[in-house]
Amino acid sequence: MAFILSLETSTTICSAALHDDGKLIAVKELLTPQSASSQLAPIIDQLLRDAQISTKEIKVVAVASGPGSYTGLRIGVATAKGFCFALQIPLIAINTLELMAYQVKNYSSLSLEEGGPSDEVLLCPMLDARRMEVYCLLSDFDLNSVEPTQAKVIDEVSFDEWLSQKTIYFFGNGADKCREIINHSNAKFLEGINPSAIQLGEMAFQKYVGKEFEDLSSFEPHYLKEFMVKKPKAV
């Protein structure tokens, strides 16, 4: 048995899952904004209770590494590293945008009949980065990277070069604000796609088998941008 504890805190939705050799045993999810700071530890505790698994049975911890919410990622990674140091087990990290692309390919109701053959389709997960900026990447339908993870300001001509050649499916909480701006006929938008610890655990098991572990002492979330602290207004 290889029990994997997976933590996903990249967005306002916080989730934790437990897998055994890549198969889902239990999952807990909270939809409350900013819930990771106060609720992550309790839902992990409840998750293990429901599955009747002790912390000592966990073989590896997986965490979504970002990009995404600065606070959420910091809490998720700190919690994951805390488990790993305490239990002396390895850490696995999964790019949040790659996780979302994996979910769409394997678990969404996406039909390629509308967009054509799979080699004519690109996937573009997007996470909100405030104003008209998003964190995004482009991959083909086999999840091979076409454009790497980046912070991108969206305007009317964003992705035009790719959209002239292929259908692009945009999804994630950053895609909602792009609907009115990206008007190309080859731009399609999917709703309800949020990163989840369920599929995170599946991807993590693949890395577990290949022993693709992180350096616990040096690993940090993939923030992409520095945290912006707003100065209080002068009275």
Protein backbone atom coordinates (compact mmCIF):
# COMPACT_ATOMS: atom_id res chain seq x y z
CA MET A 1 0.00 0.00 0.00
CA ALA A 2 1.11 3.54 -0.77
CA PHE A 3 -1.13 6.03 0.98
CA ILE A 4 -0.79 9.48 -0.55
CA LEU A 5 -2.17 12.58 1.17
CA SER A 6 -2.89 15.32 -1.40
CA LEU A 7 -3.49 18.99 -0.61
CA GLU A 8 -4.90 21.56 -3.05
CA THR A 9 -5.07 25.19 -1.86
CA SER A 10 -4.30 27.20 -5.01
CA THR A 11 -7.69 28.95 -5.21
CA THR A 12 -10.61 29.82 -2.94
CA ILE A 13 -11.58 26.13 -2.98
CA CYS A 14 -9.58 24.05 -0.52
CA SER A 15 -9.46 20.26 -0.83
CA ALA A 16 -7.62 17.28 0.62
CA ALA A 17 -7.71 13.69 -0.61
CA LEU A 18 -6.32 10.32 0.32
CA HIS A 19 -5.32 7.77 -2.30
CA ASP A 20 -4.05 4.21 -2.04
CA ASP A 21 -1.83 3.28 -5.00
CA GLY A 22 -3.51 6.00 -7.05
CA LYS A 23 -7.08 5.00 -6.17
CA LEU A 24 -9.24 7.48 -4.29
CA ILE A 25 -10.19 6.50 -0.73
CA ALA A 26 -11.59 9.73 0.66
CA VAL A 27 -11.83 13.44 -0.13
CA LYS A 28 -12.83 16.61 1.73
CA GLU A 29 -13.55 19.90 -0.02
CA LEU A 30 -14.43 23.38 1.23
CA LEU A 31 -15.93 26.05 -1.01
CA THR A 32 -15.58 28.87 1.51
CA PRO A 33 -13.17 31.63 0.34
CA GLN A 34 -9.91 31.88 2.31
CA SER A 35 -10.73 28.63 4.11
CA ALA A 36 -7.24 27.14 3.84
CA SER A 37 -5.77 29.18 6.71
CA SER A 38 -8.26 28.01 9.32
CA GLN A 39 -9.76 24.82 7.93
CA LEU A 40 -7.00 22.86 6.20
CA ALA A 41 -5.76 21.09 9.35
CA PRO A 42 -9.30 20.14 10.52
CA ILE A 43 -10.31 18.71 7.15
CA ILE A 44 -7.10 16.66 6.99
CA ASP A 45 -7.87 15.31 10.46
CA GLN A 46 -11.44 14.46 9.46
CA LEU A 47 -10.26 12.93 6.20
CA LEU A 48 -7.96 10.51 8.02
CA ARG A 49 -10.66 9.69 10.57
CA ASP A 50 -13.20 8.89 7.84
CA ALA A 51 -10.68 6.67 6.05
CA GLN A 52 -9.55 5.10 9.36
CA ILE A 53 -5.95 5.82 8.43
CA SER A 54 -3.34 7.03 10.92
CA THR A 55 -0.79 9.67 9.98
CA LYS A 56 1.96 7.07 10.39
CA GLU A 57 0.51 5.12 7.44
CA ILE A 58 0.96 8.01 4.99
CA LYS A 59 3.86 7.28 2.65
CA VAL A 60 4.04 10.57 0.76
CA VAL A 61 2.40 14.01 0.70
CA ALA A 62 1.49 15.74 -2.55
CA VAL A 63 0.74 19.43 -2.89
CA ALA A 64 -0.34 21.76 -5.68
CA SER A 65 2.70 23.98 -6.20
CA GLY A 66 1.01 26.92 -7.95
CA PRO A 67 0.62 29.34 -9.45
CA GLY A 68 -2.41 30.65 -7.62
CA SER A 69 -3.34 32.37 -4.38
CA TYR A 70 -0.24 33.51 -2.52
CA THR A 71 -1.73 32.84 0.91
CA GLY A 72 -3.35 29.56 -0.09
CA LEU A 73 -0.18 28.18 -1.66
CA ARG A 74 1.95 29.24 1.30
CA ILE A 75 -0.37 27.47 3.74
CA GLY A 76 -0.71 24.36 1.60
CA VAL A 77 3.02 23.95 1.08
CA ALA A 78 3.85 24.71 4.72
CA THR A 79 1.34 22.09 5.86
CA ALA A 80 2.64 19.52 3.39
CA LYS A 81 6.25 20.10 4.40
CA GLY A 82 5.29 19.90 8.06
CA PHE A 83 3.84 16.42 7.53
CA CYS A 84 6.88 15.34 5.53
CA PHE A 85 9.41 16.54 8.09
CA ALA A 86 7.48 15.05 10.99
CA LEU A 87 6.91 11.67 9.33
CA GLN A 88 10.21 11.65 7.40
CA ILE A 89 8.43 10.97 4.11
CA PRO A 90 8.89 12.51 0.64
CA LEU A 91 7.10 15.48 -0.89
CA ILE A 92 5.62 15.55 -4.40
CA ALA A 93 4.63 18.81 -6.13
CA ILE A 94 2.24 19.22 -9.05
CA ASN A 95 1.87 22.41 -11.11
CA THR A 96 -1.67 23.70 -10.53
CA LEU A 97 -2.27 24.58 -14.19
CA GLU A 98 -1.00 21.19 -15.35
CA LEU A 99 -3.38 19.63 -12.83
CA MET A 100 -6.31 21.52 -14.35
CA ALA A 101 -5.36 20.49 -17.88
CA TYR A 102 -5.17 16.87 -16.70
CA GLN A 103 -8.66 17.18 -15.20
CA VAL A 104 -10.14 18.54 -18.43
CA LYS A 105 -8.57 15.87 -20.60
CA ASN A 106 -9.51 12.96 -18.36
CA TYR A 107 -12.60 13.99 -16.43
CA SER A 108 -14.53 16.79 -18.12
CA SER A 109 -17.43 16.30 -20.52
CA LEU A 110 -15.40 18.01 -23.24
CA SER A 111 -16.38 16.72 -26.66
CA LEU A 112 -13.81 17.11 -29.40
CA GLU A 113 -16.42 16.83 -32.13
CA GLU A 114 -17.04 20.56 -31.91
CA GLY A 115 -13.36 21.44 -31.86
CA GLY A 116 -12.16 18.87 -34.35
CA PRO A 117 -9.49 16.16 -33.96
CA SER A 118 -7.35 16.22 -30.82
CA ASP A 119 -4.29 17.46 -32.75
CA GLU A 120 -6.26 20.61 -33.60
CA VAL A 121 -7.11 21.40 -29.96
CA LEU A 122 -5.19 23.26 -27.27
CA LEU A 123 -6.00 23.50 -23.57
CA CYS A 124 -5.54 26.75 -21.67
CA PRO A 125 -6.11 26.63 -17.90
CA MET A 126 -6.32 30.12 -16.38
CA LEU A 127 -6.19 31.34 -12.80
CA ASP A 128 -7.14 34.87 -11.82
CA ALA A 129 -4.17 37.14 -11.09
CA ARG A 130 -6.22 40.35 -10.58
CA ARG A 131 -7.33 42.96 -13.11
CA MET A 132 -6.82 41.64 -16.65
CA GLU A 133 -3.87 39.41 -15.80
CA VAL A 134 -4.05 35.63 -15.49
CA TYR A 135 -1.73 32.76 -14.75
CA CYS A 136 -1.93 30.38 -17.69
CA LEU A 137 -0.26 27.81 -19.87
CA LEU A 138 -1.00 26.20 -23.21
CA SER A 139 -0.81 22.47 -23.81
CA ASP A 140 -1.90 20.14 -26.56
CA PHE A 141 -4.55 17.52 -25.84
CA ASP A 142 -1.84 15.03 -24.86
CA LEU A 143 -0.76 17.50 -22.16
CA ASN A 144 2.52 18.40 -23.87
CA SER A 145 3.51 22.00 -23.18
CA VAL A 146 3.05 24.47 -26.04
CA GLU A 147 3.56 27.62 -23.98
CA PRO A 148 4.94 27.37 -20.42
CA THR A 149 3.34 28.60 -17.23
CA GLN A 150 3.31 32.39 -17.24
CA ALA A 151 1.57 35.53 -15.99
CA LYS A 152 -0.19 37.07 -18.99
CA VAL A 153 -2.14 40.31 -19.44
CA ILE A 154 -5.17 39.54 -21.60
CA ASP A 155 -6.32 41.82 -24.41
CA GLU A 156 -8.19 41.49 -27.71
CA VAL A 157 -5.26 39.93 -29.56
CA SER A 158 -4.10 37.51 -26.88
CA PHE A 159 -3.66 34.01 -28.35
CA ASP A 160 -4.61 35.23 -31.86
CA GLU A 161 -1.64 33.46 -33.43
CA TRP A 162 -2.72 30.13 -31.95
CA LEU A 163 -6.44 30.73 -32.44
CA SER A 164 -5.88 31.21 -36.17
CA GLN A 165 -4.59 27.63 -36.30
CA LYS A 166 -6.39 25.66 -33.58
CA THR A 167 -9.35 25.58 -31.24
CA ILE A 168 -8.42 26.64 -27.70
CA TYR A 169 -10.46 25.62 -24.67
CA PHE A 170 -10.14 28.18 -21.87
CA PHE A 171 -11.13 27.23 -18.31
CA GLY A 172 -10.54 28.06 -14.66
CA ASN A 173 -11.47 31.09 -12.56
CA GLY A 174 -9.27 33.33 -14.71
CA ALA A 175 -11.11 32.43 -17.91
CA ASP A 176 -14.41 33.97 -16.81
CA LYS A 177 -13.16 37.53 -17.16
CA CYS A 178 -11.72 36.80 -20.61
CA ARG A 179 -14.99 35.79 -22.28
CA GLU A 180 -15.85 39.31 -23.43
CA ILE A 181 -12.32 40.05 -24.62
CA ILE A 182 -11.27 36.91 -26.47
CA ASN A 183 -13.93 36.85 -29.18
CA HIS A 184 -12.30 34.58 -31.76
CA SER A 185 -14.53 31.85 -33.22
CA ASN A 186 -11.97 29.21 -32.21
CA ALA A 187 -12.08 30.27 -28.55
CA LYS A 188 -14.24 27.96 -26.42
CA PHE A 189 -14.91 28.37 -22.69
CA LEU A 190 -15.53 25.59 -20.18
CA GLU A 191 -17.23 26.24 -16.85
CA GLY A 192 -16.79 24.72 -13.42
CA ILE A 193 -13.16 23.60 -13.74
CA ASN A 194 -11.33 24.03 -10.42
CA PRO A 195 -8.13 22.32 -9.30
CA SER A 196 -8.93 19.32 -7.11
CA ALA A 197 -6.98 17.12 -4.71
CA ILE A 198 -8.72 14.10 -6.27
CA GLN A 199 -6.81 14.27 -9.55
CA LEU A 200 -3.77 15.70 -7.76
CA GLY A 201 -3.41 12.36 -5.99
CA GLU A 202 -3.62 10.47 -9.28
CA MET A 203 -0.85 12.55 -10.82
CA ALA A 204 1.18 12.29 -7.64
CA PHE A 205 1.05 8.49 -7.73
CA GLN A 206 2.70 8.58 -11.16
CA LYS A 207 5.51 10.68 -9.69
CA TYR A 208 5.69 8.40 -6.65
CA VAL A 209 6.31 5.39 -8.86
CA GLY A 210 9.05 7.32 -10.66
CA LYS A 211 10.48 8.62 -7.35
CA GLU A 212 10.14 12.22 -8.50
CA PHE A 213 10.42 13.90 -5.12
CA GLU A 214 11.15 17.48 -4.07
CA ASP A 215 14.00 18.73 -1.89
CA LEU A 216 12.17 19.40 1.38
CA SER A 217 14.62 21.99 2.62
CA SER A 218 14.55 24.19 -0.49
CA PHE A 219 11.11 23.66 -2.05
CA GLU A 220 8.89 26.74 -2.37
CA PRO A 221 5.54 27.35 -4.10
CA HIS A 222 5.53 28.57 -7.71
CA TYR A 223 4.15 32.03 -7.02
CA LEU A 224 5.13 33.59 -10.39
CA LYS A 225 4.72 37.06 -8.89
CA GLU A 226 5.78 38.66 -5.63
CA PHE A 227 3.07 39.14 -3.03
CA MET A 228 1.67 42.66 -3.19
CA VAL A 229 0.93 44.27 0.15
CA LYS A 230 -1.40 47.24 -0.03
CA LYS A 231 -0.34 50.23 2.05
CA PRO A 232 -3.09 51.67 4.25
CA LYS A 233 -4.46 55.01 3.18
CA ALA A 234 -3.24 58.02 5.10
CA VAL A 235 -5.79 59.47 7.44
